Amino acid sequence: MTSLQDLIDSKPNFVEYLYNDTISQYHKSRTSLFATLIAPEYTTWREEQRAWRETAVLFNQSHHMPVLYVKGPDAKKLLEYLSPCTFSNLSTNRAKQYFACTPRGHHIGDCILNYYGEDEGFELISGMPLLNWVRYNGETQSYDVHFTFDPTTPYAKDGKRTKYRFQLEGPNARAILDEICEGGWPELKFFNTTYVTIAGCRVHVLRHGMAGHAGAEISGPFADMDTVRDAILQAGERHGLLQAGTRTYYSTPLEDGWIPYPLPGIYTGEDLRAYREWLPADSWEANMQLGGSLYSDNVEDYYWTPSALGYEKLVKFDHDFIGRAAIEAQFAGPKRVKRVLRWHHEDINKIMASQLGDGPTYKALDMPTAYFGWPQADEVRSNDGALVGMSQYCGYNINEREFLSLCGIDEAYAEPGTEVVLTWGEIKGGSRKPHVERHEQTTIRATVHTAPFSKAAQAKLRAVI
């Protein structure tokens, strides 16, 4: 087998394969070189979570996010046609949340997009399903474009990246940035960019909030990484700065409400067969690993739409793009929208207690992140038993003292305060995934909330630091 299509054709039930037999990129990374480059915890994940709310936290994004550089006369034309996002406000001092959909309006993937002008072109940061889709269309269609792919550190031949990337945020982030930036920190609106000088190094900064709080993404040539990090840590020591490990990093979506890595909607449809034949049999898409209580033989039941991911405001019908007609139809009818579910404490306690003594043992709730699929897919039902949504990312946030999950839910059940029921655990005692223990299913009552859940994140997400 050489292609994803070959792999699909070889399986009598492709969902069963994704549910039981794949090894996700996330779980591969836990035992790869990446796991040796960034500690799981520098203090404890609890203190590191508190730091982004109370003082400041430094995330190291230098090793795990692939990057695609796109140049050429047709670079803008290609990227604009692939996405519902508008390019009418394209600027070298403003980043974009960029995403793409299939012709039927199913989500493929998303990333952060930076534009550096006609000579340097575009930088697409993270999101392998999206990066692959961009490369496929650029390579197989009549676009005059050039791609440079920067793989994650474990797959880089020399173990080096093109750039380092840090995220600094929290209430004390501004004071730290004022100290380390020559001439002080420039005022920036949300998602705006500029260049500053730190410890003699030219640094690109993006006003951005990974954990939903005031912060900046800081990047530059990989050779400058240690110099810039040392300057941040030295200044941050006076302001309670903590470095965040991978356990803490992967819990940030629970606070900012971003739903990471939904299953790309590319496994069905004759119009995408050529793409599946282009994708390798060992691609990221071939190793997505479904987990959770939702089990369906129809892989399309795991697909997402822009509205379910909270991207409705990013869709602009000011240009032609792949999936436009389908998305227009979605917006006109009943749809799913993004919400946060707050799990009821009594049911959390029931699951915790099942780990002790006699009786049924429910799927353990790991902390701070409880998901065990990549992506997770848990049933969300109404109180009368109707399937009304799909919960994906779940875990514990110490700042809110809550177990939360991010979900797409039918509009009729999306009103904040609505009570729903989440099924926890997998069918038939658990899948064959090696990291899933034997267990029994149970239910968790949950209350619907807007995203992000945190009032602090709602207030600070778009504040100028």
Protein backbone atom coordinates (compact mmCIF):
# COMPACT_ATOMS: atom_id res chain seq x y z
CA MET A 1 0.00 0.00 0.00
CA THR A 2 1.37 3.40 -0.98
CA SER A 3 -1.55 5.78 -0.48
CA LEU A 4 -4.25 6.59 2.04
CA GLN A 5 -6.79 5.39 -0.53
CA ASP A 6 -5.00 2.02 -0.71
CA LEU A 7 -5.22 1.79 3.08
CA ILE A 8 -8.94 2.63 3.11
CA ASP A 9 -9.64 0.10 0.36
CA SER A 10 -7.83 -2.62 2.32
CA LYS A 11 -10.03 -2.25 5.43
CA PRO A 12 -13.56 -3.68 5.56
CA ASN A 13 -14.42 -1.03 8.17
CA PHE A 14 -12.13 2.00 8.21
CA VAL A 15 -13.70 3.46 11.37
CA GLU A 16 -12.92 0.22 13.20
CA TYR A 17 -9.31 0.58 12.05
CA LEU A 18 -9.04 4.19 13.22
CA TYR A 19 -10.71 3.26 16.50
CA ASN A 20 -8.51 0.29 17.34
CA ASP A 21 -5.29 -0.02 15.37
CA THR A 22 -3.68 3.32 14.52
CA ILE A 23 -0.99 5.01 16.58
CA SER A 24 -1.66 8.73 16.59
CA GLN A 25 1.03 11.34 16.05
CA TYR A 26 0.26 12.63 19.54
CA HIS A 27 0.97 9.29 21.19
CA LYS A 28 4.03 8.74 19.01
CA SER A 29 5.42 12.08 20.21
CA ARG A 30 5.20 11.01 23.84
CA THR A 31 7.99 8.49 23.25
CA SER A 32 9.89 10.40 20.57
CA LEU A 33 12.75 12.86 20.65
CA PHE A 34 10.20 15.61 21.34
CA ALA A 35 9.54 14.14 24.78
CA THR A 36 13.24 14.57 25.64
CA LEU A 37 13.39 18.20 24.46
CA ILE A 38 10.62 19.62 26.65
CA ALA A 39 9.95 18.29 30.14
CA PRO A 40 6.44 17.02 30.95
CA GLU A 41 6.55 19.34 33.99
CA TYR A 42 9.10 21.92 35.11
CA THR A 43 7.41 22.39 38.49
CA THR A 44 3.97 20.76 38.52
CA TRP A 45 1.23 21.13 35.94
CA ARG A 46 -1.01 22.61 38.64
CA GLU A 47 1.39 25.45 39.39
CA GLU A 48 2.07 25.94 35.68
CA GLN A 49 -1.67 26.27 34.98
CA ARG A 50 -1.98 28.75 37.83
CA ALA A 51 0.93 30.78 36.41
CA TRP A 52 -0.94 31.83 33.27
CA ARG A 53 -3.73 33.20 35.47
CA GLU A 54 -1.69 34.65 38.36
CA THR A 55 1.82 35.57 37.14
CA ALA A 56 3.26 34.48 33.77
CA VAL A 57 4.06 31.29 31.89
CA LEU A 58 6.45 30.43 29.05
CA PHE A 59 5.46 27.74 26.53
CA ASN A 60 8.06 26.25 24.20
CA GLN A 61 6.48 25.62 20.78
CA SER A 62 9.79 25.18 18.98
CA HIS A 63 9.75 21.43 18.41
CA HIS A 64 6.26 20.04 17.81
CA MET A 65 4.60 22.27 15.22
CA PRO A 66 5.30 21.65 11.50
CA VAL A 67 5.57 24.74 9.31
CA LEU A 68 4.95 25.24 5.59
CA TYR A 69 6.43 28.24 3.75
CA VAL A 70 4.59 29.25 0.57
CA LYS A 71 6.11 31.62 -2.00
CA GLY A 72 5.55 32.54 -5.60
CA PRO A 73 3.39 34.72 -7.87
CA ASP A 74 0.29 32.57 -7.20
CA ALA A 75 0.77 32.03 -3.45
CA LYS A 76 -1.97 34.44 -2.41
CA LYS A 77 -4.31 33.20 -5.16
CA LEU A 78 -3.89 29.58 -4.01
CA LEU A 79 -4.33 30.24 -0.30
CA GLU A 80 -7.35 32.49 -0.85
CA TYR A 81 -9.12 29.92 -3.01
CA LEU A 82 -8.57 27.15 -0.46
CA SER A 83 -10.07 29.02 2.49
CA PRO A 84 -13.30 30.76 3.58
CA CYS A 85 -11.07 33.35 5.29
CA THR A 86 -10.90 36.75 3.63
CA PHE A 87 -7.64 38.11 2.21
CA SER A 88 -9.06 41.61 1.74
CA ASN A 89 -7.23 42.72 4.90
CA LEU A 90 -3.97 40.87 4.16
CA SER A 91 -1.07 42.68 5.78
CA THR A 92 2.50 42.04 6.86
CA ASN A 93 1.64 43.30 10.35
CA ARG A 94 -1.37 41.08 10.93
CA ALA A 95 -1.62 37.30 11.32
CA LYS A 96 -4.63 35.16 10.43
CA GLN A 97 -6.43 32.15 11.83
CA TYR A 98 -6.55 30.22 8.57
CA PHE A 99 -8.58 27.10 7.76
CA ALA A 100 -9.84 25.08 4.81
CA CYS A 101 -12.86 22.90 4.00
CA THR A 102 -13.74 20.21 1.49
CA PRO A 103 -16.13 20.86 -1.42
CA ARG A 104 -18.94 19.56 0.83
CA GLY A 105 -18.07 22.03 3.57
CA HIS A 106 -16.36 19.65 5.99
CA HIS A 107 -13.42 20.97 7.98
CA ILE A 108 -9.93 19.84 6.91
CA GLY A 109 -7.65 21.73 9.27
CA ASP A 110 -6.46 25.10 10.52
CA CYS A 111 -3.29 26.99 11.35
CA ILE A 112 -1.80 30.40 12.08
CA LEU A 113 -0.82 32.26 8.90
CA ASN A 114 1.81 35.00 8.75
CA TYR A 115 2.47 37.09 5.64
CA TYR A 116 5.94 38.61 5.14
CA GLY A 117 5.44 40.32 1.78
CA GLU A 118 5.81 39.22 -1.84
CA ASP A 119 9.48 38.27 -1.55
CA GLU A 120 9.25 36.13 1.61
CA GLY A 121 5.66 34.94 1.14
CA PHE A 122 3.54 33.09 3.67
CA GLU A 123 4.24 31.04 6.79
CA LEU A 124 1.62 28.42 7.80
CA ILE A 125 2.24 27.23 11.36
CA SER A 126 1.03 23.80 12.52
CA GLY A 127 -1.92 21.69 11.36
CA MET A 128 -0.60 18.85 9.18
CA PRO A 129 -3.96 18.02 7.51
CA LEU A 130 -4.18 21.63 6.33
CA LEU A 131 -0.52 21.82 5.28
CA ASN A 132 -0.95 18.63 3.24
CA TRP A 133 -4.08 20.01 1.56
CA VAL A 134 -2.25 23.21 0.59
CA ARG A 135 0.71 21.28 -0.81
CA TYR A 136 -1.52 18.93 -2.77
CA ASN A 137 -3.44 21.73 -4.47
CA GLY A 138 -0.31 23.72 -5.16
CA GLU A 139 1.57 20.77 -6.62
CA THR A 140 -1.22 19.26 -8.71
CA GLN A 141 -2.91 22.39 -10.05
CA SER A 142 -1.57 25.11 -12.33
CA TYR A 143 -0.29 27.43 -9.59
CA ASP A 144 3.11 29.10 -9.77
CA VAL A 145 4.11 28.46 -6.18
CA HIS A 146 7.07 27.09 -4.27
CA PHE A 147 6.87 25.18 -0.97
CA THR A 148 9.43 24.70 1.79
CA PHE A 149 8.37 22.26 4.50
CA ASP A 150 9.91 22.48 7.97
CA PRO A 151 9.08 19.23 9.81
CA THR A 152 8.89 18.86 13.57
CA THR A 153 12.18 18.34 15.38
CA PRO A 154 11.92 14.51 15.60
CA TYR A 155 11.67 14.38 11.78
CA ALA A 156 14.29 17.05 11.00
CA LYS A 157 17.44 15.40 9.63
CA ASP A 158 19.78 17.54 11.73
CA GLY A 159 17.39 17.99 14.66
CA LYS A 160 17.08 21.70 13.95
CA ARG A 161 14.13 23.84 12.91
CA THR A 162 14.02 26.95 10.77
CA LYS A 163 12.72 28.97 13.74
CA TYR A 164 12.25 28.73 17.47
CA ARG A 165 8.84 29.69 18.82
CA PHE A 166 7.80 30.67 22.36
CA GLN A 167 4.52 31.83 23.88
CA LEU A 168 4.68 34.18 26.85
CA GLU A 169 1.48 35.15 28.64
CA GLY A 170 -0.19 35.96 31.91
CA PRO A 171 -0.84 39.16 33.88
CA ASN A 172 2.90 39.84 34.28
CA ALA A 173 3.75 39.18 30.62
CA ARG A 174 3.63 42.88 29.75
CA ALA A 175 6.16 43.79 32.44
CA ILE A 176 8.53 41.06 31.27
CA LEU A 177 8.21 42.11 27.62
CA ASP A 178 8.79 45.76 28.56
CA GLU A 179 12.07 44.78 30.21
CA ILE A 180 13.45 42.53 27.49
CA CYS A 181 12.39 44.47 24.36
CA GLU A 182 14.75 47.29 23.39
CA GLY A 183 12.72 50.49 23.71
CA GLY A 184 9.91 48.67 25.53
CA TRP A 185 6.98 46.60 24.31
CA PRO A 186 4.98 48.14 21.44
CA GLU A 187 1.21 48.39 21.77
CA LEU A 188 -0.39 45.73 19.58
CA LYS A 189 -3.98 44.82 18.88
CA PHE A 190 -5.07 41.19 19.02
CA PHE A 191 -3.42 39.09 16.28
CA ASN A 192 -1.24 41.99 15.08
CA THR A 193 2.48 41.48 14.54
CA THR A 194 5.72 43.44 14.50
CA TYR A 195 9.45 43.05 15.07
CA VAL A 196 11.33 43.83 18.28
CA THR A 197 14.90 43.35 19.48
CA ILE A 198 15.58 41.04 22.44
CA ALA A 199 19.14 40.46 23.69
CA GLY A 200 20.46 41.77 20.40
CA CYS A 201 18.29 39.38 18.34
CA ARG A 202 15.64 40.44 15.83
CA VAL A 203 12.39 38.82 16.98
CA HIS A 204 8.98 38.52 15.34
CA VAL A 205 6.11 38.93 17.82
CA LEU A 206 2.41 38.13 17.48
CA ARG A 207 -0.15 39.46 19.95
CA HIS A 208 -1.81 36.18 20.77
CA GLY A 209 -3.18 34.21 23.73
CA MET A 210 -2.52 30.46 23.87
CA ALA A 211 -4.34 29.99 27.17
CA GLY A 212 -6.83 32.76 26.54
CA HIS A 213 -4.89 35.48 28.34
CA ALA A 214 -2.81 38.48 27.37
CA GLY A 215 0.37 37.29 25.71
CA ALA A 216 2.72 37.19 22.75
CA GLU A 217 4.11 34.54 20.43
CA ILE A 218 7.83 35.13 19.97
CA SER A 219 9.81 33.64 17.07
CA GLY A 220 13.08 34.01 15.23
CA PRO A 221 16.01 32.07 13.71
CA PHE A 222 16.54 28.74 15.48
CA ALA A 223 20.16 29.66 16.24
CA ASP A 224 18.92 32.51 18.49
CA MET A 225 16.66 30.28 20.60
CA ASP A 226 18.83 29.94 23.71
CA THR A 227 19.78 33.62 23.76
CA VAL A 228 16.18 34.80 23.62
CA ARG A 229 14.90 32.19 26.08
CA ASP A 230 17.62 33.06 28.60
CA ALA A 231 16.66 36.72 28.42
CA ILE A 232 12.99 35.89 29.01
CA LEU A 233 13.73 33.59 31.94
CA GLN A 234 16.14 36.02 33.58
CA ALA A 235 13.67 38.91 33.46
CA GLY A 236 10.75 36.63 34.31
CA GLU A 237 12.30 35.41 37.54
CA ARG A 238 11.35 38.72 39.18
CA HIS A 239 7.76 38.37 37.97
CA GLY A 240 6.94 34.80 38.98
CA LEU A 241 7.44 33.36 35.46
CA LEU A 242 7.24 29.58 35.19
CA GLN A 243 8.18 27.42 32.24
CA ALA A 244 5.34 25.12 31.18
CA GLY A 245 5.88 21.47 30.32
CA THR A 246 4.00 19.39 27.81
CA ARG A 247 1.36 18.25 30.31
CA THR A 248 0.40 21.86 30.92
CA TYR A 249 0.73 22.90 27.29
CA TYR A 250 -1.79 20.33 26.08
CA SER A 251 -4.32 21.55 28.64
CA THR A 252 -4.47 25.12 27.31
CA PRO A 253 -7.42 24.53 24.92
CA LEU A 254 -9.67 23.95 27.93
CA GLU A 255 -9.16 27.59 28.88
CA ASP A 256 -9.09 29.33 25.49
CA GLY A 257 -11.77 27.13 23.87
CA TRP A 258 -9.87 26.22 20.67
CA ILE A 259 -10.76 22.70 19.44
CA PRO A 260 -7.51 21.10 18.20
CA TYR A 261 -7.17 18.54 15.42
CA PRO A 262 -10.71 17.48 14.56
CA LEU A 263 -10.88 14.52 12.20
CA PRO A 264 -10.33 15.96 8.69
CA GLY A 265 -13.34 15.36 6.43
CA ILE A 266 -11.34 13.81 3.60
CA TYR A 267 -11.98 10.05 3.87
CA THR A 268 -15.12 9.95 1.68
CA GLY A 269 -16.33 11.35 -1.64
CA GLU A 270 -15.15 10.64 -5.17
CA ASP A 271 -14.19 14.29 -5.55
CA LEU A 272 -11.42 13.72 -2.97
CA ARG A 273 -10.22 10.33 -4.25
CA ALA A 274 -7.27 11.91 -6.08
CA TYR A 275 -6.25 13.64 -2.86
CA ARG A 276 -6.40 10.39 -0.90
CA GLU A 277 -4.30 8.75 -3.61
CA TRP A 278 -1.76 11.56 -3.21
CA LEU A 279 -1.56 11.20 0.58
CA PRO A 280 0.88 8.48 1.71
CA ALA A 281 -0.34 5.40 3.55
CA ASP A 282 1.71 6.48 6.57
CA SER A 283 0.53 10.09 6.52
CA TRP A 284 -0.81 11.99 9.51
CA GLU A 285 -4.34 11.45 8.15
CA ALA A 286 -3.75 7.68 7.99
CA ASN A 287 -2.83 7.65 11.68
CA MET A 288 -5.66 9.66 13.21
CA GLN A 289 -6.83 7.71 16.23
CA LEU A 290 -10.48 7.84 17.17
CA GLY A 291 -11.34 7.33 20.82
CA GLY A 292 -14.31 7.84 23.08
CA SER A 293 -17.91 6.75 23.40
CA LEU A 294 -19.13 7.75 19.93
CA TYR A 295 -18.87 4.75 17.62
CA SER A 296 -20.32 4.79 14.13
CA ASP A 297 -19.50 2.77 11.01
CA ASN A 298 -19.98 6.00 9.03
CA VAL A 299 -16.77 8.04 9.26
CA GLU A 300 -18.70 11.16 8.26
CA ASP A 301 -20.34 11.15 11.70
CA TYR A 302 -16.95 12.31 13.01
CA TYR A 303 -16.61 15.24 10.58
CA TRP A 304 -16.83 18.87 11.71
CA THR A 305 -18.09 22.08 10.10
CA PRO A 306 -16.89 25.69 10.54
CA SER A 307 -19.82 26.63 12.77
CA ALA A 308 -19.29 23.62 15.08
CA LEU A 309 -15.69 24.75 15.57
CA GLY A 310 -16.66 28.35 16.26
CA TYR A 311 -15.26 29.65 12.95
CA GLU A 312 -18.49 31.14 11.62
CA LYS A 313 -17.19 34.70 12.09
CA LEU A 314 -14.07 33.87 10.08
CA VAL A 315 -16.09 32.85 7.01
CA LYS A 316 -16.34 35.69 4.48
CA PHE A 317 -18.30 35.35 1.25
CA ASP A 318 -16.29 38.09 -0.48
CA HIS A 319 -14.41 35.63 -2.72
CA ASP A 320 -14.76 32.25 -4.36
CA PHE A 321 -13.40 29.32 -2.36
CA ILE A 322 -13.67 25.54 -2.16
CA GLY A 323 -16.81 24.59 -0.25
CA ARG A 324 -18.52 27.98 -0.54
CA ALA A 325 -21.92 26.68 -1.69
CA ALA A 326 -21.95 23.95 0.95
CA ILE A 327 -21.08 26.37 3.76
CA GLU A 328 -23.74 28.84 2.61
CA ALA A 329 -26.28 26.02 2.85
CA GLN A 330 -25.00 25.03 6.30
CA PHE A 331 -25.36 28.57 7.61
CA ALA A 332 -28.92 28.79 6.28
CA GLY A 333 -30.17 25.69 8.11
CA PRO A 334 -29.96 24.07 11.56
CA LYS A 335 -26.34 23.59 12.53
CA ARG A 336 -23.99 22.72 15.34
CA VAL A 337 -22.12 25.39 17.25
CA LYS A 338 -19.16 25.37 19.62
CA ARG A 339 -19.77 25.22 23.36
CA VAL A 340 -18.02 24.18 26.58
CA LEU A 341 -19.49 21.49 28.81
CA ARG A 342 -18.97 21.73 32.58
CA TRP A 343 -19.09 18.23 34.00
CA HIS A 344 -21.11 17.72 37.19
CA HIS A 345 -18.96 17.14 40.25
CA GLU A 346 -21.07 14.26 41.57
CA ASP A 347 -20.45 12.24 38.41
CA ILE A 348 -16.74 13.05 38.44
CA ASN A 349 -16.59 11.77 42.01
CA LYS A 350 -18.44 8.60 40.92
CA ILE A 351 -15.74 7.87 38.32
CA MET A 352 -12.93 8.57 40.75
CA ALA A 353 -14.51 6.33 43.40
CA SER A 354 -14.87 3.48 40.90
CA GLN A 355 -11.08 3.10 40.90
CA LEU A 356 -11.29 1.87 44.52
CA GLY A 357 -12.94 -1.17 46.05
CA ASP A 358 -15.48 -3.48 44.42
CA GLY A 359 -17.96 -2.74 41.66
CA PRO A 360 -17.63 -1.49 38.07
CA THR A 361 -14.47 0.38 37.06
CA TYR A 362 -15.09 3.33 34.75
CA LYS A 363 -12.57 4.82 32.34
CA ALA A 364 -10.02 6.66 34.48
CA LEU A 365 -9.95 10.44 34.30
CA ASP A 366 -6.36 11.46 33.72
CA MET A 367 -5.31 14.97 34.73
CA PRO A 368 -4.91 17.60 33.49
CA THR A 369 -6.03 16.16 30.12
CA ALA A 370 -8.50 13.27 30.15
CA TYR A 371 -8.88 12.61 26.40
CA PHE A 372 -7.49 9.31 25.10
CA GLY A 373 -8.26 9.60 21.40
CA TRP A 374 -6.66 11.84 18.81
CA PRO A 375 -9.29 13.03 18.16
CA GLN A 376 -11.61 12.24 21.05
CA ALA A 377 -15.27 11.70 20.12
CA ASP A 378 -17.76 11.37 22.97
CA GLU A 379 -21.54 11.22 22.62
CA VAL A 380 -23.52 14.18 23.94
CA ARG A 381 -27.22 13.43 24.41
CA SER A 382 -30.25 15.38 25.55
CA ASN A 383 -32.05 14.34 28.71
CA ASP A 384 -34.52 12.36 26.57
CA GLY A 385 -31.69 10.40 24.92
CA ALA A 386 -31.34 12.12 21.53
CA LEU A 387 -27.79 12.43 20.14
CA VAL A 388 -27.26 16.21 19.98
CA GLY A 389 -23.51 16.73 19.88
CA MET A 390 -19.94 15.46 19.94
CA SER A 391 -17.52 16.28 22.75
CA GLN A 392 -13.86 16.29 21.81
CA TYR A 393 -11.26 17.82 24.12
CA CYS A 394 -11.65 17.17 27.84
CA GLY A 395 -9.72 17.64 31.06
CA TYR A 396 -9.24 19.56 34.29
CA ASN A 397 -8.55 23.26 34.82
CA ILE A 398 -7.28 24.17 38.26
CA ASN A 399 -8.00 27.89 37.80
CA GLU A 400 -11.70 27.08 37.47
CA ARG A 401 -11.56 23.92 39.63
CA GLU A 402 -13.62 22.17 36.95
CA PHE A 403 -13.60 19.26 34.52
CA LEU A 404 -14.52 20.68 31.11
CA SER A 405 -14.88 19.52 27.53
CA LEU A 406 -15.17 21.31 24.20
CA CYS A 407 -17.95 20.23 21.90
CA GLY A 408 -20.02 20.88 18.82
CA ILE A 409 -23.72 20.80 19.74
CA ASP A 410 -27.01 21.27 17.89
CA GLU A 411 -28.24 24.86 18.11
CA ALA A 412 -31.47 23.76 19.80
CA TYR A 413 -29.42 22.56 22.81
CA ALA A 414 -26.75 25.26 22.77
CA GLU A 415 -28.36 27.76 25.12
CA PRO A 416 -26.07 28.30 28.14
CA GLY A 417 -27.46 26.49 31.16
CA THR A 418 -28.93 23.61 29.15
CA GLU A 419 -28.38 20.23 30.82
CA VAL A 420 -27.04 17.37 28.67
CA VAL A 421 -25.55 13.93 29.26
CA LEU A 422 -22.12 12.81 28.06
CA THR A 423 -21.30 9.12 27.69
CA TRP A 424 -17.85 8.36 29.12
CA GLY A 425 -15.80 5.34 28.12
CA GLU A 426 -15.71 3.11 25.05
CA ILE A 427 -18.03 0.38 23.82
CA LYS A 428 -17.42 -3.29 24.61
CA GLY A 429 -15.11 -2.57 27.52
CA GLY A 430 -12.67 -0.46 25.54
CA SER A 431 -10.84 -0.54 22.22
CA ARG A 432 -7.58 -2.29 21.39
CA LYS A 433 -5.60 0.93 21.79
CA PRO A 434 -2.68 0.00 24.07
CA HIS A 435 -3.13 3.06 26.30
CA VAL A 436 -6.83 2.33 27.00
CA GLU A 437 -7.47 0.10 30.01
CA ARG A 438 -10.44 -2.26 30.43
CA HIS A 439 -13.42 -0.36 31.77
CA GLU A 440 -17.19 0.07 31.71
CA GLN A 441 -19.11 2.95 30.20
CA THR A 442 -20.98 5.43 32.35
CA THR A 443 -22.67 8.79 31.94
CA ILE A 444 -21.71 12.27 33.08
CA ARG A 445 -24.22 15.07 33.45
CA ALA A 446 -22.99 18.38 32.05
CA THR A 447 -24.09 21.99 31.74
CA VAL A 448 -23.68 23.94 28.49
CA HIS A 449 -21.56 27.12 28.64
CA THR A 450 -20.26 29.56 26.05
CA ALA A 451 -16.64 29.26 24.90
CA PRO A 452 -14.25 30.13 26.35
CA PHE A 453 -15.55 29.01 29.75
CA SER A 454 -13.24 31.18 31.82
CA LYS A 455 -14.55 34.67 32.52
CA ALA A 456 -10.92 35.78 32.85
CA ALA A 457 -10.18 34.47 29.35
CA GLN A 458 -13.31 36.13 27.97
CA ALA A 459 -12.24 39.47 29.42
CA LYS A 460 -8.55 39.31 28.54
CA LEU A 461 -8.46 37.46 25.23
CA ARG A 462 -8.69 40.63 23.16
CA ALA A 463 -7.17 43.07 25.61
CA VAL A 464 -4.03 44.97 24.58
CA ILE A 465 -1.11 43.96 26.78
